[in-house]
Amino acid sequence: MTSNLGSAYIQSQFEKINDENREVVIEETKKEVMSMLKKTIRPEFLNRIDETIMFLPLNREEIEQIVMLQINGIKNMLAGNGITLEMTDEAVRFIAGTGYDPEFGARPVKRAIQRYLLNDLSKKLLSQEVDRSKPIIVETAGDGLKFRN
């Protein structure tokens, strides 16, 4: 069972999060949300709940890990078509940074991968600007990604 109880409060608190205050803000937010829960839900019902969990926002490192997982899936898909994709660390960080939004979790990451990697790679392959028979290297270039062999 899930609830959006306190979601506006959680959102406002998590907007304040940075690397230095992350733990303090999360702990304070958990306490306040649990207090809201006790005030809103009747004790006899609350007593039947085994565990309450407040989902935490993802940090940049976790987003980078998600980007790598997604890219590994893309690499496997492309390998099935004889295409080798190599991502530089900077390109991964670019996608993670573009897709990082603590409020929305990992969903913007999928959009960033689609927009900056998949759409542009498809165009480069179709226009034959990159050779599909050679490894395609993806690196950062200005406000986007660059593809080369």
N, C-alpha and C. Protein backbone atom coordinates (compact mmCIF):
# COMPACT_ATOMS: atom_id res chain seq x y z
N MET A 1 0.85 -1.17 0.00
CA MET A 1 0.00 0.00 0.00
C MET A 1 0.90 1.24 0.00
N THR A 2 0.56 2.22 -0.79
CA THR A 2 1.31 3.46 -0.82
C THR A 2 0.38 4.63 -0.54
N SER A 3 0.97 5.73 -0.13
CA SER A 3 0.20 6.93 0.16
C SER A 3 1.01 8.14 -0.26
N ASN A 4 0.31 9.19 -0.63
CA ASN A 4 0.97 10.45 -0.94
C ASN A 4 0.87 11.41 0.24
N LEU A 5 0.59 10.87 1.41
CA LEU A 5 0.47 11.69 2.61
C LEU A 5 1.76 12.47 2.83
N GLY A 6 1.64 13.76 2.96
CA GLY A 6 2.80 14.60 3.22
C GLY A 6 3.65 14.87 2.00
N SER A 7 3.17 14.52 0.81
CA SER A 7 4.00 14.67 -0.38
C SER A 7 4.40 16.12 -0.64
N ALA A 8 3.51 17.06 -0.39
CA ALA A 8 3.85 18.47 -0.60
C ALA A 8 4.95 18.88 0.38
N TYR A 9 4.83 18.42 1.62
CA TYR A 9 5.86 18.72 2.63
C TYR A 9 7.20 18.08 2.24
N ILE A 10 7.14 16.82 1.84
CA ILE A 10 8.36 16.11 1.43
C ILE A 10 9.02 16.84 0.28
N GLN A 11 8.24 17.22 -0.71
CA GLN A 11 8.78 17.91 -1.87
C GLN A 11 9.45 19.21 -1.47
N SER A 12 8.80 19.98 -0.61
CA SER A 12 9.39 21.27 -0.20
C SER A 12 10.67 21.05 0.60
N GLN A 13 10.72 20.00 1.41
CA GLN A 13 11.92 19.71 2.19
C GLN A 13 13.06 19.24 1.29
N PHE A 14 12.74 18.37 0.35
CA PHE A 14 13.77 17.78 -0.50
C PHE A 14 14.36 18.80 -1.49
N GLU A 15 13.62 19.88 -1.74
CA GLU A 15 14.18 20.94 -2.57
C GLU A 15 15.36 21.62 -1.89
N LYS A 16 15.43 21.49 -0.57
CA LYS A 16 16.50 22.11 0.22
C LYS A 16 17.75 21.24 0.31
N ILE A 17 17.64 20.00 -0.15
CA ILE A 17 18.74 19.04 0.02
C ILE A 17 19.95 19.41 -0.83
N ASN A 18 21.12 19.31 -0.17
CA ASN A 18 22.39 19.37 -0.89
C ASN A 18 23.29 18.31 -0.27
N ASP A 19 24.50 18.18 -0.74
CA ASP A 19 25.38 17.12 -0.25
C ASP A 19 25.71 17.26 1.23
N GLU A 20 25.73 18.49 1.75
CA GLU A 20 26.10 18.71 3.15
C GLU A 20 24.95 18.44 4.12
N ASN A 21 23.72 18.76 3.75
CA ASN A 21 22.61 18.65 4.70
C ASN A 21 21.69 17.47 4.43
N ARG A 22 22.03 16.62 3.50
CA ARG A 22 21.17 15.52 3.06
C ARG A 22 20.61 14.69 4.21
N GLU A 23 21.47 14.18 5.06
CA GLU A 23 21.03 13.29 6.14
C GLU A 23 20.12 14.00 7.13
N VAL A 24 20.46 15.24 7.50
CA VAL A 24 19.66 15.99 8.47
C VAL A 24 18.27 16.27 7.91
N VAL A 25 18.20 16.73 6.66
CA VAL A 25 16.91 17.05 6.05
C VAL A 25 16.05 15.79 5.93
N ILE A 26 16.64 14.69 5.54
CA ILE A 26 15.89 13.44 5.40
C ILE A 26 15.36 12.98 6.75
N GLU A 27 16.17 13.03 7.78
CA GLU A 27 15.74 12.59 9.12
C GLU A 27 14.62 13.48 9.65
N GLU A 28 14.76 14.79 9.50
CA GLU A 28 13.70 15.71 9.95
C GLU A 28 12.41 15.48 9.17
N THR A 29 12.53 15.25 7.88
CA THR A 29 11.36 15.02 7.04
C THR A 29 10.66 13.73 7.45
N LYS A 30 11.43 12.67 7.69
CA LYS A 30 10.84 11.39 8.12
C LYS A 30 10.04 11.58 9.41
N LYS A 31 10.60 12.29 10.37
CA LYS A 31 9.92 12.51 11.66
C LYS A 31 8.60 13.24 11.45
N GLU A 32 8.64 14.29 10.64
CA GLU A 32 7.43 15.08 10.42
C GLU A 32 6.36 14.27 9.66
N VAL A 33 6.78 13.50 8.66
CA VAL A 33 5.82 12.70 7.90
C VAL A 33 5.21 11.62 8.79
N MET A 34 6.01 11.00 9.64
CA MET A 34 5.46 9.99 10.55
C MET A 34 4.48 10.63 11.53
N SER A 35 4.75 11.85 11.95
CA SER A 35 3.83 12.58 12.82
C SER A 35 2.52 12.84 12.07
N MET A 36 2.60 13.25 10.80
CA MET A 36 1.41 13.47 9.98
C MET A 36 0.61 12.18 9.85
N LEU A 37 1.34 11.08 9.65
CA LEU A 37 0.70 9.78 9.50
C LEU A 37 -0.10 9.43 10.75
N LYS A 38 0.48 9.64 11.91
CA LYS A 38 -0.20 9.33 13.18
C LYS A 38 -1.40 10.23 13.41
N LYS A 39 -1.35 11.46 12.94
CA LYS A 39 -2.46 12.39 13.11
C LYS A 39 -3.60 12.10 12.13
N THR A 40 -3.27 11.50 10.98
CA THR A 40 -4.24 11.31 9.91
C THR A 40 -4.91 9.94 9.94
N ILE A 41 -4.13 8.91 10.24
CA ILE A 41 -4.64 7.55 10.17
C ILE A 41 -4.99 7.06 11.58
N ARG A 42 -6.13 6.44 11.68
CA ARG A 42 -6.60 5.96 12.98
C ARG A 42 -5.63 4.93 13.55
N PRO A 43 -5.41 4.95 14.84
CA PRO A 43 -4.42 4.06 15.47
C PRO A 43 -4.68 2.57 15.21
N GLU A 44 -5.95 2.16 15.18
CA GLU A 44 -6.24 0.74 14.97
C GLU A 44 -5.85 0.29 13.56
N PHE A 45 -5.94 1.19 12.59
CA PHE A 45 -5.49 0.85 11.24
C PHE A 45 -3.97 0.92 11.15
N LEU A 46 -3.41 1.96 11.72
CA LEU A 46 -1.96 2.14 11.71
C LEU A 46 -1.26 0.95 12.37
N ASN A 47 -1.88 0.38 13.38
CA ASN A 47 -1.31 -0.77 14.09
C ASN A 47 -1.24 -2.01 13.21
N ARG A 48 -2.04 -2.06 12.16
CA ARG A 48 -2.05 -3.22 11.26
C ARG A 48 -0.97 -3.12 10.17
N ILE A 49 -0.33 -1.98 10.08
CA ILE A 49 0.73 -1.79 9.09
C ILE A 49 2.04 -2.29 9.67
N ASP A 50 2.68 -3.22 8.94
CA ASP A 50 3.92 -3.81 9.44
C ASP A 50 5.09 -2.84 9.40
N GLU A 51 5.16 -2.05 8.35
CA GLU A 51 6.32 -1.17 8.20
C GLU A 51 5.94 0.03 7.34
N THR A 52 6.49 1.17 7.69
CA THR A 52 6.30 2.36 6.86
C THR A 52 7.66 2.78 6.31
N ILE A 53 7.64 3.14 5.04
CA ILE A 53 8.88 3.51 4.35
C ILE A 53 8.65 4.82 3.62
N MET A 54 9.58 5.73 3.79
CA MET A 54 9.53 6.96 3.01
C MET A 54 10.63 6.85 1.96
N PHE A 55 10.24 6.93 0.70
CA PHE A 55 11.22 6.82 -0.37
C PHE A 55 12.07 8.07 -0.39
N LEU A 56 13.36 7.87 -0.58
CA LEU A 56 14.32 8.97 -0.54
C LEU A 56 14.69 9.41 -1.95
N PRO A 57 15.06 10.67 -2.10
CA PRO A 57 15.49 11.12 -3.43
C PRO A 57 16.83 10.49 -3.79
N LEU A 58 17.02 10.28 -5.07
CA LEU A 58 18.28 9.72 -5.54
C LEU A 58 19.35 10.81 -5.56
N ASN A 59 20.59 10.42 -5.24
CA ASN A 59 21.69 11.39 -5.34
C ASN A 59 22.37 11.23 -6.69
N ARG A 60 23.33 12.09 -6.99
CA ARG A 60 23.98 12.08 -8.30
C ARG A 60 24.70 10.77 -8.58
N GLU A 61 25.33 10.21 -7.57
CA GLU A 61 26.04 8.94 -7.77
C GLU A 61 25.07 7.83 -8.15
N GLU A 62 23.93 7.78 -7.50
CA GLU A 62 22.92 6.77 -7.81
C GLU A 62 22.36 6.98 -9.22
N ILE A 63 22.18 8.24 -9.60
CA ILE A 63 21.70 8.54 -10.95
C ILE A 63 22.72 8.06 -11.98
N GLU A 64 24.02 8.27 -11.71
CA GLU A 64 25.05 7.79 -12.64
C GLU A 64 25.01 6.28 -12.76
N GLN A 65 24.75 5.58 -11.66
CA GLN A 65 24.64 4.12 -11.71
C GLN A 65 23.44 3.71 -12.56
N ILE A 66 22.35 4.42 -12.43
CA ILE A 66 21.16 4.13 -13.23
C ILE A 66 21.45 4.39 -14.71
N VAL A 67 22.15 5.48 -14.99
CA VAL A 67 22.54 5.78 -16.38
C VAL A 67 23.36 4.63 -16.94
N MET A 68 24.34 4.15 -16.18
CA MET A 68 25.19 3.04 -16.65
C MET A 68 24.37 1.78 -16.90
N LEU A 69 23.43 1.48 -16.02
CA LEU A 69 22.56 0.31 -16.22
C LEU A 69 21.76 0.45 -17.51
N GLN A 70 21.21 1.63 -17.73
CA GLN A 70 20.42 1.87 -18.94
C GLN A 70 21.31 1.78 -20.19
N ILE A 71 22.48 2.37 -20.11
CA ILE A 71 23.40 2.35 -21.26
C ILE A 71 23.87 0.94 -21.55
N ASN A 72 24.12 0.16 -20.52
CA ASN A 72 24.52 -1.24 -20.75
C ASN A 72 23.42 -2.00 -21.49
N GLY A 73 22.17 -1.72 -21.16
CA GLY A 73 21.05 -2.33 -21.89
C GLY A 73 21.05 -1.89 -23.35
N ILE A 74 21.31 -0.61 -23.58
CA ILE A 74 21.37 -0.09 -24.96
C ILE A 74 22.54 -0.72 -25.71
N LYS A 75 23.69 -0.84 -25.04
CA LYS A 75 24.86 -1.47 -25.68
C LYS A 75 24.54 -2.90 -26.10
N ASN A 76 23.86 -3.64 -25.24
CA ASN A 76 23.49 -5.02 -25.56
C ASN A 76 22.53 -5.07 -26.74
N MET A 77 21.58 -4.16 -26.76
CA MET A 77 20.63 -4.11 -27.87
C MET A 77 21.35 -3.81 -29.18
N LEU A 78 22.25 -2.81 -29.14
CA LEU A 78 23.00 -2.44 -30.34
C LEU A 78 23.94 -3.56 -30.78
N ALA A 79 24.53 -4.26 -29.82
CA ALA A 79 25.45 -5.36 -30.15
C ALA A 79 24.72 -6.43 -30.95
N GLY A 80 23.44 -6.62 -30.66
CA GLY A 80 22.64 -7.57 -31.42
C GLY A 80 22.51 -7.17 -32.87
N ASN A 81 22.73 -5.89 -33.17
CA ASN A 81 22.69 -5.39 -34.55
C ASN A 81 24.09 -5.11 -35.09
N GLY A 82 25.10 -5.63 -34.40
CA GLY A 82 26.48 -5.48 -34.87
C GLY A 82 27.09 -4.12 -34.62
N ILE A 83 26.52 -3.34 -33.70
CA ILE A 83 27.02 -1.99 -33.41
C ILE A 83 27.64 -1.99 -32.02
N THR A 84 28.87 -1.46 -31.93
CA THR A 84 29.55 -1.34 -30.64
C THR A 84 29.53 0.12 -30.21
N LEU A 85 29.09 0.35 -28.97
CA LEU A 85 28.99 1.71 -28.44
C LEU A 85 29.94 1.83 -27.24
N GLU A 86 30.75 2.88 -27.24
CA GLU A 86 31.66 3.14 -26.13
C GLU A 86 31.36 4.53 -25.59
N MET A 87 31.05 4.63 -24.31
CA MET A 87 30.72 5.90 -23.67
C MET A 87 31.91 6.38 -22.85
N THR A 88 32.27 7.64 -22.99
CA THR A 88 33.29 8.20 -22.10
C THR A 88 32.64 8.49 -20.75
N ASP A 89 33.46 8.59 -19.72
CA ASP A 89 32.94 8.92 -18.39
C ASP A 89 32.23 10.27 -18.40
N GLU A 90 32.78 11.20 -19.17
CA GLU A 90 32.19 12.54 -19.27
C GLU A 90 30.79 12.47 -19.90
N ALA A 91 30.62 11.60 -20.87
CA ALA A 91 29.31 11.46 -21.52
C ALA A 91 28.29 10.89 -20.54
N VAL A 92 28.72 9.93 -19.74
CA VAL A 92 27.83 9.36 -18.71
C VAL A 92 27.46 10.44 -17.71
N ARG A 93 28.44 11.21 -17.26
CA ARG A 93 28.17 12.28 -16.30
C ARG A 93 27.26 13.35 -16.90
N PHE A 94 27.43 13.63 -18.20
CA PHE A 94 26.57 14.60 -18.87
C PHE A 94 25.12 14.14 -18.82
N ILE A 95 24.88 12.90 -19.19
CA ILE A 95 23.51 12.37 -19.19
C ILE A 95 22.95 12.36 -17.77
N ALA A 96 23.77 11.93 -16.81
CA ALA A 96 23.32 11.90 -15.41
C ALA A 96 22.99 13.31 -14.92
N GLY A 97 23.83 14.28 -15.27
CA GLY A 97 23.59 15.65 -14.85
C GLY A 97 22.36 16.25 -15.49
N THR A 98 22.16 15.94 -16.76
CA THR A 98 20.99 16.43 -17.49
C THR A 98 19.72 15.79 -16.96
N GLY A 99 19.82 14.52 -16.58
CA GLY A 99 18.65 13.79 -16.10
C GLY A 99 18.47 13.82 -14.60
N TYR A 100 19.32 14.57 -13.89
CA TYR A 100 19.23 14.59 -12.42
C TYR A 100 18.16 15.56 -11.96
N ASP A 101 17.16 15.04 -11.28
CA ASP A 101 16.13 15.87 -10.66
C ASP A 101 15.63 15.11 -9.43
N PRO A 102 16.09 15.52 -8.24
CA PRO A 102 15.72 14.79 -7.02
C PRO A 102 14.21 14.64 -6.84
N GLU A 103 13.46 15.60 -7.36
CA GLU A 103 12.01 15.57 -7.20
C GLU A 103 11.36 14.44 -7.99
N PHE A 104 11.88 14.14 -9.16
CA PHE A 104 11.25 13.16 -10.04
C PHE A 104 11.99 11.84 -10.14
N GLY A 105 13.09 11.68 -9.42
CA GLY A 105 13.81 10.42 -9.43
C GLY A 105 14.48 10.14 -10.75
N ALA A 106 14.34 8.91 -11.23
CA ALA A 106 15.08 8.46 -12.42
C ALA A 106 14.33 8.71 -13.73
N ARG A 107 13.10 9.15 -13.68
CA ARG A 107 12.34 9.34 -14.94
C ARG A 107 13.00 10.33 -15.90
N PRO A 108 13.51 11.47 -15.41
CA PRO A 108 14.19 12.38 -16.35
C PRO A 108 15.43 11.76 -16.99
N VAL A 109 16.03 10.76 -16.35
CA VAL A 109 17.20 10.08 -16.93
C VAL A 109 16.81 9.39 -18.23
N LYS A 110 15.69 8.71 -18.24
CA LYS A 110 15.25 8.03 -19.46
C LYS A 110 15.03 9.04 -20.58
N ARG A 111 14.46 10.20 -20.23
CA ARG A 111 14.25 11.24 -21.25
C ARG A 111 15.58 11.79 -21.75
N ALA A 112 16.54 11.98 -20.85
CA ALA A 112 17.86 12.49 -21.26
C ALA A 112 18.56 11.48 -22.16
N ILE A 113 18.47 10.20 -21.83
CA ILE A 113 19.08 9.16 -22.67
C ILE A 113 18.42 9.16 -24.05
N GLN A 114 17.11 9.25 -24.08
CA GLN A 114 16.39 9.27 -25.36
C GLN A 114 16.79 10.48 -26.19
N ARG A 115 16.78 11.65 -25.55
CA ARG A 115 17.03 12.89 -26.29
C ARG A 115 18.48 13.02 -26.75
N TYR A 116 19.41 12.82 -25.85
CA TYR A 116 20.82 13.11 -26.16
C TYR A 116 21.58 11.93 -26.76
N LEU A 117 21.16 10.72 -26.42
CA LEU A 117 21.91 9.56 -26.92
C LEU A 117 21.17 8.87 -28.07
N LEU A 118 20.00 8.34 -27.80
CA LEU A 118 19.32 7.51 -28.79
C LEU A 118 18.87 8.29 -30.03
N ASN A 119 18.24 9.45 -29.81
CA ASN A 119 17.77 10.23 -30.98
C ASN A 119 18.94 10.65 -31.86
N ASP A 120 19.97 11.20 -31.22
CA ASP A 120 21.11 11.69 -32.01
C ASP A 120 21.89 10.54 -32.64
N LEU A 121 22.05 9.44 -31.92
CA LEU A 121 22.76 8.28 -32.48
C LEU A 121 21.99 7.74 -33.69
N SER A 122 20.70 7.67 -33.58
CA SER A 122 19.88 7.18 -34.72
C SER A 122 20.09 8.05 -35.94
N LYS A 123 20.08 9.37 -35.75
CA LYS A 123 20.29 10.30 -36.87
C LYS A 123 21.67 10.10 -37.49
N LYS A 124 22.67 9.94 -36.64
CA LYS A 124 24.05 9.77 -37.15
C LYS A 124 24.18 8.46 -37.91
N LEU A 125 23.53 7.41 -37.43
CA LEU A 125 23.59 6.13 -38.13
C LEU A 125 22.85 6.19 -39.47
N LEU A 126 21.68 6.79 -39.46
CA LEU A 126 20.89 6.87 -40.70
C LEU A 126 21.56 7.74 -41.75
N SER A 127 22.20 8.81 -41.32
CA SER A 127 22.88 9.69 -42.27
C SER A 127 24.28 9.19 -42.61
N GLN A 128 24.67 8.09 -41.99
CA GLN A 128 25.98 7.46 -42.19
C GLN A 128 27.14 8.38 -41.80
N GLU A 129 26.89 9.26 -40.82
CA GLU A 129 27.96 10.11 -40.30
C GLU A 129 28.89 9.31 -39.39
N VAL A 130 28.40 8.20 -38.87
CA VAL A 130 29.25 7.26 -38.13
C VAL A 130 29.12 5.90 -38.81
N ASP A 131 30.20 5.16 -38.75
CA ASP A 131 30.27 3.85 -39.38
C ASP A 131 29.82 2.79 -38.38
N ARG A 132 28.73 2.12 -38.69
CA ARG A 132 28.20 1.11 -37.77
C ARG A 132 29.10 -0.11 -37.65
N SER A 133 30.04 -0.29 -38.58
CA SER A 133 30.92 -1.46 -38.53
C SER A 133 32.13 -1.23 -37.62
N LYS A 134 32.31 0.02 -37.15
CA LYS A 134 33.41 0.35 -36.24
C LYS A 134 32.81 0.79 -34.90
N PRO A 135 33.56 0.62 -33.80
CA PRO A 135 33.05 1.10 -32.51
C PRO A 135 32.71 2.59 -32.58
N ILE A 136 31.57 2.94 -32.01
CA ILE A 136 31.13 4.33 -31.97
C ILE A 136 31.44 4.88 -30.58
N ILE A 137 32.23 5.93 -30.55
CA ILE A 137 32.63 6.54 -29.28
C ILE A 137 31.73 7.75 -29.04
N VAL A 138 31.18 7.80 -27.82
CA VAL A 138 30.29 8.89 -27.45
C VAL A 138 31.00 9.73 -26.40
N GLU A 139 31.12 11.04 -26.68
CA GLU A 139 31.76 11.94 -25.75
C GLU A 139 30.98 13.25 -25.70
N THR A 140 31.31 14.09 -24.74
CA THR A 140 30.59 15.36 -24.61
C THR A 140 31.11 16.36 -25.64
N ALA A 141 30.22 17.24 -26.02
CA ALA A 141 30.57 18.32 -26.96
C ALA A 141 29.61 19.46 -26.70
N GLY A 142 30.08 20.50 -26.04
CA GLY A 142 29.23 21.66 -25.76
C GLY A 142 28.05 21.29 -24.89
N ASP A 143 26.85 21.50 -25.41
CA ASP A 143 25.64 21.21 -24.66
C ASP A 143 24.99 19.91 -25.10
N GLY A 144 25.79 18.98 -25.59
CA GLY A 144 25.26 17.70 -26.03
C GLY A 144 26.35 16.64 -26.10
N LEU A 145 26.09 15.65 -26.92
CA LEU A 145 27.03 14.55 -27.11
C LEU A 145 27.54 14.53 -28.55
N LYS A 146 28.73 13.99 -28.71
CA LYS A 146 29.35 13.87 -30.02
C LYS A 146 29.61 12.38 -30.28
N PHE A 147 29.38 11.95 -31.51
CA PHE A 147 29.57 10.55 -31.90
C PHE A 147 30.67 10.49 -32.95
N ARG A 148 31.62 9.58 -32.74
CA ARG A 148 32.68 9.45 -33.72
C ARG A 148 33.18 8.00 -33.74
N ASN A 149 33.88 7.66 -34.83
CA ASN A 149 34.51 6.33 -34.95
C ASN A 149 35.99 6.48 -34.73
